[in-house]
Amino acid sequence: MSGSMAHRIGRFARSPTGAAIGLITPAHLLVLSLLVIPGVYVLWLSLQESTFGMSPRFVGLENYQHVLGDMYFWRALRNTLVVVVTVVHVELLLGLAIALLFASGMPARRWLLAAVLAPYAVSEVSAAVVWRFLFDTQAGPANLALAALGLPILEWSINPHHGLALVSLLSVWLNLPFTFLILYAARLSVPGELYEAAKMDGATAWQIFRRITLPLMMPAILLAMLFRYIFVFRIFSEVWLLTGGGPARQTEVVGVYLYQEAFTFNAFGGASATGWIMVLISLLLGAGYLVALRRQSISHGR
């Protein structure tokens, strides 16, 4: 029996189906070990009361009730949504404008492309240190320039609105290359014959953009927005390194709130519940864009 079983296993492994399963199994094991198992453990922990020095105790949905009843969570969620909406849409407009500018055949594109992509080579820690210096309220070059022009300076260490504005600016600067690359690749994939035909028919630049460029780039635009909505919703480093959530927790985002719950207050159950709430909100944010992407794919398929 064992010999027959080994023979069957050997035949299956040599078959196309067995070979395919063998090729994808490592990836599945990696996803299982890095995503599924930790996610299930965090879900289990979100139903427990857990901290240092005590065994987990099942409390059901009390952690979720605590988080959803905490004013600091709702402030952090509001701040997060403000940053998400600001960063994603500013990135999209800038990325689209730069992509169209580069595709128009402007001179010195190689050098300018390197300049646009340069922020992607900078670590978040280094960028935060530089930006803290640039916008220092006393001697920062950027704030001194704003003051010289008669413009209000960013008092980000005192004014929470200024702090969120600085965080948004830093996030846009760091991640604009990602959005730009997606949109630039989409613009280059549009056939040039369409533009030539439109110009021969007497279409204006705005009509060409609205009737050709924008519809054909829309799947890439939606994809970029989907990725950036999810990534920015999890923003942590920029806020923690620039403001630390201050002053008085006024610039906290959900990622910083989770960190505080876990490593300042040692409430691992509440932190885990916050993590799963973030997952559910991210799914809701992404659902609309996934539906829109599917509709775009179906319409293009026709």
Protein backbone atom coordinates (compact mmCIF):
# COMPACT_ATOMS: atom_id res chain seq x y z
CA MET A 1 0.00 0.00 0.00
CA SER A 2 2.77 2.40 0.87
CA GLY A 3 4.55 1.73 -2.44
CA SER A 4 1.33 2.30 -4.39
CA MET A 5 0.65 5.50 -2.48
CA ALA A 6 4.18 6.75 -3.12
CA HIS A 7 3.78 5.93 -6.83
CA ARG A 8 0.50 7.92 -7.00
CA ILE A 9 2.07 10.85 -5.21
CA GLY A 10 5.02 10.77 -7.62
CA ARG A 11 2.70 10.72 -10.66
CA PHE A 12 0.66 13.62 -9.25
CA ALA A 13 3.83 15.64 -8.56
CA ARG A 14 4.95 15.14 -12.17
CA SER A 15 1.56 16.15 -13.60
CA PRO A 16 0.87 19.78 -14.68
CA THR A 17 -1.54 20.26 -11.76
CA GLY A 18 0.96 18.93 -9.25
CA ALA A 19 3.74 21.08 -10.67
CA ALA A 20 1.52 24.16 -10.48
CA ILE A 21 0.58 23.42 -6.88
CA GLY A 22 4.24 22.91 -6.06
CA LEU A 23 5.11 26.29 -7.53
CA ILE A 24 2.42 28.27 -5.70
CA THR A 25 2.67 26.47 -2.36
CA PRO A 26 5.64 28.54 -1.06
CA ALA A 27 3.76 31.77 -1.78
CA HIS A 28 0.66 30.44 -0.04
CA LEU A 29 2.68 29.35 2.97
CA LEU A 30 4.30 32.80 3.11
CA VAL A 31 0.92 34.55 3.03
CA LEU A 32 -0.44 32.13 5.62
CA SER A 33 2.47 32.65 8.01
CA LEU A 34 2.81 36.43 7.59
CA LEU A 35 -0.81 37.54 7.13
CA VAL A 36 -3.47 34.96 7.94
CA ILE A 37 -2.11 33.49 11.18
CA PRO A 38 -1.11 36.88 12.70
CA GLY A 39 -4.47 38.33 11.63
CA VAL A 40 -6.39 35.51 13.32
CA TYR A 41 -4.24 35.91 16.44
CA VAL A 42 -4.91 39.67 16.57
CA LEU A 43 -8.64 38.96 16.16
CA TRP A 44 -8.47 36.53 19.08
CA LEU A 45 -6.49 39.05 21.15
CA SER A 46 -9.06 41.77 20.41
CA LEU A 47 -11.59 39.68 22.35
CA GLN A 48 -9.31 39.38 25.39
CA GLU A 49 -8.25 41.67 28.20
CA SER A 50 -4.48 41.46 27.99
CA THR A 51 -1.52 43.40 29.33
CA PHE A 52 1.95 42.76 30.73
CA GLY A 53 2.06 40.36 33.66
CA MET A 54 -1.41 38.83 33.28
CA SER A 55 -2.95 36.00 31.33
CA PRO A 56 -5.47 36.96 28.64
CA ARG A 57 -9.06 36.98 29.87
CA PHE A 58 -11.98 36.69 27.47
CA VAL A 59 -14.14 39.84 27.49
CA GLY A 60 -16.00 39.53 24.20
CA LEU A 61 -16.64 42.84 22.46
CA GLU A 62 -15.71 45.04 25.42
CA ASN A 63 -12.49 46.18 23.75
CA TYR A 64 -14.43 47.31 20.68
CA GLN A 65 -16.93 49.13 22.91
CA HIS A 66 -14.05 50.82 24.73
CA VAL A 67 -12.38 51.96 21.50
CA LEU A 68 -15.61 53.15 19.87
CA GLY A 69 -16.56 55.00 23.03
CA ASP A 70 -13.20 56.76 23.35
CA MET A 71 -13.18 60.41 22.26
CA TYR A 72 -9.47 60.15 21.45
CA PHE A 73 -10.22 57.41 18.91
CA TRP A 74 -12.83 59.52 17.14
CA ARG A 75 -10.49 62.50 17.08
CA ALA A 76 -7.76 60.29 15.66
CA LEU A 77 -10.17 58.91 13.05
CA ARG A 78 -11.23 62.43 12.07
CA ASN A 79 -7.60 63.53 11.75
CA THR A 80 -6.83 60.42 9.70
CA LEU A 81 -9.66 61.06 7.27
CA VAL A 82 -8.62 64.71 6.88
CA VAL A 83 -5.04 63.63 6.08
CA VAL A 84 -6.23 60.85 3.75
CA VAL A 85 -8.52 63.10 1.70
CA THR A 86 -5.93 65.88 1.52
CA VAL A 87 -2.92 63.74 0.69
CA VAL A 88 -4.57 61.41 -1.84
CA HIS A 89 -6.23 64.14 -3.88
CA VAL A 90 -3.26 66.51 -3.84
CA GLU A 91 -1.01 63.63 -4.88
CA LEU A 92 -3.42 62.65 -7.63
CA LEU A 93 -3.64 66.17 -9.08
CA LEU A 94 0.11 66.75 -8.90
CA GLY A 95 0.95 63.29 -10.22
CA LEU A 96 -1.47 63.66 -13.12
CA ALA A 97 -0.19 67.15 -13.98
CA ILE A 98 3.45 66.04 -13.93
CA ALA A 99 2.68 62.88 -15.92
CA LEU A 100 0.92 64.90 -18.63
CA LEU A 101 3.76 67.43 -18.63
CA PHE A 102 6.39 64.74 -19.09
CA ALA A 103 4.36 63.00 -21.79
CA SER A 104 4.06 66.26 -23.75
CA GLY A 105 7.75 65.99 -24.70
CA MET A 106 9.26 68.61 -22.44
CA PRO A 107 13.07 68.98 -22.64
CA ALA A 108 15.49 67.51 -20.07
CA ARG A 109 12.95 64.88 -19.06
CA ARG A 110 15.62 62.46 -17.82
CA TRP A 111 17.03 64.93 -15.34
CA LEU A 112 13.63 66.10 -14.21
CA LEU A 113 12.47 62.48 -13.88
CA ALA A 114 15.35 61.83 -11.49
CA ALA A 115 14.34 64.89 -9.47
CA VAL A 116 10.71 63.76 -9.27
CA LEU A 117 11.68 60.23 -8.18
CA ALA A 118 14.33 61.37 -5.69
CA PRO A 119 12.02 61.46 -2.61
CA TYR A 120 11.44 57.71 -3.02
CA ALA A 121 15.12 57.15 -2.18
CA VAL A 122 14.82 59.04 1.13
CA SER A 123 13.88 57.18 4.30
CA GLU A 124 10.92 58.46 6.32
CA VAL A 125 13.13 59.08 9.35
CA SER A 126 15.62 61.18 7.38
CA ALA A 127 12.81 63.10 5.68
CA ALA A 128 11.11 63.85 9.00
CA VAL A 129 14.36 65.14 10.51
CA VAL A 130 14.97 67.43 7.53
CA TRP A 131 11.40 68.72 7.52
CA ARG A 132 11.49 69.39 11.26
CA PHE A 133 14.53 71.57 10.62
CA LEU A 134 13.06 73.28 7.56
CA PHE A 135 9.86 74.21 9.39
CA ASP A 136 11.35 74.93 12.78
CA THR A 137 9.20 77.69 14.26
CA GLN A 138 12.23 79.75 15.30
CA ALA A 139 14.94 79.25 12.68
CA GLY A 140 13.53 76.97 9.98
CA PRO A 141 14.44 78.19 6.45
CA ALA A 142 10.96 77.43 5.11
CA ASN A 143 9.22 79.33 7.90
CA LEU A 144 11.69 82.22 7.59
CA ALA A 145 10.91 82.40 3.86
CA LEU A 146 7.17 82.40 4.55
CA ALA A 147 7.62 85.17 7.10
CA ALA A 148 9.74 87.20 4.64
CA LEU A 149 6.93 86.96 2.08
CA GLY A 150 4.42 88.15 4.66
CA LEU A 151 2.73 84.74 4.85
CA PRO A 152 1.78 82.96 8.10
CA ILE A 153 4.32 80.39 9.28
CA LEU A 154 3.50 76.80 10.17
CA GLU A 155 3.40 76.67 13.97
CA TRP A 156 3.09 72.91 13.83
CA SER A 157 4.37 72.31 17.38
CA ILE A 158 1.59 74.51 18.82
CA ASN A 159 -1.28 74.58 16.33
CA PRO A 160 -2.75 71.11 15.58
CA HIS A 161 -4.11 72.28 12.20
CA HIS A 162 -0.63 73.37 11.18
CA GLY A 163 0.74 70.06 12.45
CA LEU A 164 -1.66 68.07 10.26
CA ALA A 165 -0.83 70.35 7.32
CA LEU A 166 2.88 69.66 7.74
CA VAL A 167 2.25 65.92 8.02
CA SER A 168 0.18 66.05 4.82
CA LEU A 169 2.89 67.98 2.97
CA LEU A 170 5.56 65.50 4.05
CA SER A 171 3.44 62.51 3.04
CA VAL A 172 2.73 64.05 -0.39
CA TRP A 173 6.43 64.78 -0.94
CA LEU A 174 7.47 61.26 0.07
CA ASN A 175 4.87 59.34 -1.93
CA LEU A 176 4.23 61.49 -4.99
CA PRO A 177 6.70 59.38 -7.05
CA PHE A 178 4.49 56.29 -6.52
CA THR A 179 1.38 58.00 -7.86
CA PHE A 180 3.33 59.69 -10.65
CA LEU A 181 4.82 56.42 -11.93
CA ILE A 182 1.41 54.75 -12.17
CA LEU A 183 -0.13 57.69 -14.01
CA TYR A 184 2.88 58.30 -16.24
CA ALA A 185 2.92 54.65 -17.35
CA ALA A 186 -0.82 54.86 -18.05
CA ARG A 187 -0.37 58.01 -20.11
CA LEU A 188 2.44 56.48 -22.17
CA SER A 189 0.24 53.47 -22.92
CA VAL A 190 -2.37 55.62 -24.69
CA PRO A 191 -1.90 55.13 -28.48
CA GLY A 192 -0.54 58.22 -30.19
CA GLU A 193 -2.78 57.60 -33.21
CA LEU A 194 -5.79 58.65 -31.16
CA TYR A 195 -4.28 62.07 -30.51
CA GLU A 196 -3.32 62.51 -34.16
CA ALA A 197 -6.84 61.65 -35.28
CA ALA A 198 -8.36 64.02 -32.71
CA LYS A 199 -6.11 66.89 -33.83
CA MET A 200 -7.00 66.24 -37.47
CA ASP A 201 -10.68 66.48 -36.50
CA GLY A 202 -10.02 69.88 -34.90
CA ALA A 203 -10.38 68.87 -31.24
CA THR A 204 -9.05 71.31 -28.64
CA ALA A 205 -6.54 70.34 -25.96
CA TRP A 206 -9.29 70.24 -23.34
CA GLN A 207 -11.53 68.06 -25.53
CA ILE A 208 -8.64 65.66 -26.16
CA PHE A 209 -7.95 65.43 -22.43
CA ARG A 210 -11.61 64.94 -21.49
CA ARG A 211 -12.54 62.55 -24.30
CA ILE A 212 -9.34 60.50 -24.77
CA THR A 213 -6.72 60.93 -22.05
CA LEU A 214 -8.93 60.91 -18.96
CA PRO A 215 -11.17 57.93 -19.91
CA LEU A 216 -8.21 55.77 -20.94
CA MET A 217 -6.24 56.70 -17.82
CA MET A 218 -9.19 56.26 -15.45
CA PRO A 219 -8.39 52.62 -14.47
CA ALA A 220 -4.86 53.69 -13.49
CA ILE A 221 -6.22 56.72 -11.63
CA LEU A 222 -8.63 54.55 -9.66
CA LEU A 223 -5.88 52.02 -8.94
CA ALA A 224 -3.54 54.75 -7.66
CA MET A 225 -6.29 56.20 -5.49
CA LEU A 226 -7.14 52.77 -4.10
CA PHE A 227 -3.55 52.06 -3.08
CA ARG A 228 -3.00 55.52 -1.64
CA TYR A 229 -6.28 55.53 0.32
CA ILE A 230 -5.31 52.27 2.01
CA PHE A 231 -1.68 53.25 2.60
CA VAL A 232 -2.42 56.76 3.88
CA PHE A 233 -5.14 55.46 6.20
CA ARG A 234 -2.38 53.48 7.94
CA ILE A 235 -0.12 56.55 8.23
CA PHE A 236 2.09 56.44 11.30
CA SER A 237 5.74 57.35 10.74
CA GLU A 238 5.19 60.89 9.48
CA VAL A 239 2.95 61.80 12.43
CA TRP A 240 5.01 60.04 15.08
CA LEU A 241 8.31 61.48 13.90
CA LEU A 242 7.04 65.03 13.33
CA THR A 243 4.51 65.73 16.07
CA GLY A 244 4.30 62.57 18.17
CA GLY A 245 0.52 63.08 18.11
CA GLY A 246 0.84 66.35 20.03
CA PRO A 247 0.17 68.89 21.23
CA ALA A 248 -2.09 67.15 23.79
CA ARG A 249 -2.91 64.29 21.36
CA GLN A 250 -4.48 66.81 18.96
CA THR A 251 -2.69 65.47 15.87
CA GLU A 252 -3.06 61.78 16.61
CA VAL A 253 -4.11 59.53 13.75
CA VAL A 254 -5.49 56.02 14.11
CA GLY A 255 -2.05 54.44 13.69
CA VAL A 256 -0.64 56.56 16.52
CA TYR A 257 -3.71 55.83 18.66
CA LEU A 258 -3.10 52.10 18.18
CA TYR A 259 0.56 52.52 19.13
CA GLN A 260 -0.38 54.44 22.26
CA GLU A 261 -2.89 51.77 23.30
CA ALA A 262 -0.35 49.00 22.83
CA PHE A 263 2.94 50.47 24.04
CA THR A 264 2.00 53.41 26.26
CA PHE A 265 -1.06 52.06 28.05
CA ASN A 266 -0.17 48.36 27.51
CA ALA A 267 -3.76 47.59 26.52
CA PHE A 268 -3.10 44.91 23.93
CA GLY A 269 -6.74 43.97 23.61
CA GLY A 270 -7.76 47.54 22.83
CA ALA A 271 -4.87 47.91 20.38
CA SER A 272 -5.89 44.71 18.60
CA ALA A 273 -9.49 45.89 18.41
CA THR A 274 -8.26 49.17 16.92
CA GLY A 275 -6.26 47.22 14.35
CA TRP A 276 -9.30 45.27 13.20
CA ILE A 277 -11.40 48.43 13.07
CA MET A 278 -8.70 49.88 10.78
CA VAL A 279 -8.94 46.77 8.58
CA LEU A 280 -12.72 47.08 8.27
CA ILE A 281 -12.56 50.80 7.45
CA SER A 282 -9.82 50.13 4.86
CA LEU A 283 -12.04 47.50 3.24
CA LEU A 284 -14.92 49.97 3.12
CA LEU A 285 -12.67 52.63 1.61
CA GLY A 286 -11.39 50.21 -1.00
CA ALA A 287 -14.73 48.59 -1.87
CA GLY A 288 -16.03 51.54 -3.87
CA TYR A 289 -12.84 51.80 -5.90
CA LEU A 290 -12.81 48.05 -6.59
CA VAL A 291 -16.37 48.27 -7.92
CA ALA A 292 -15.38 51.24 -10.07
CA LEU A 293 -12.31 49.38 -11.37
CA ARG A 294 -14.45 46.38 -12.27
CA ARG A 295 -16.90 48.60 -14.15
CA GLN A 296 -14.02 50.23 -16.01
CA SER A 297 -12.60 46.81 -16.95
CA ILE A 298 -15.99 45.61 -18.18
CA SER A 299 -16.58 48.77 -20.22
CA HIS A 300 -13.10 48.51 -21.79
CA GLY A 301 -13.67 44.84 -22.52
CA ARG A 302 -16.71 45.74 -24.54
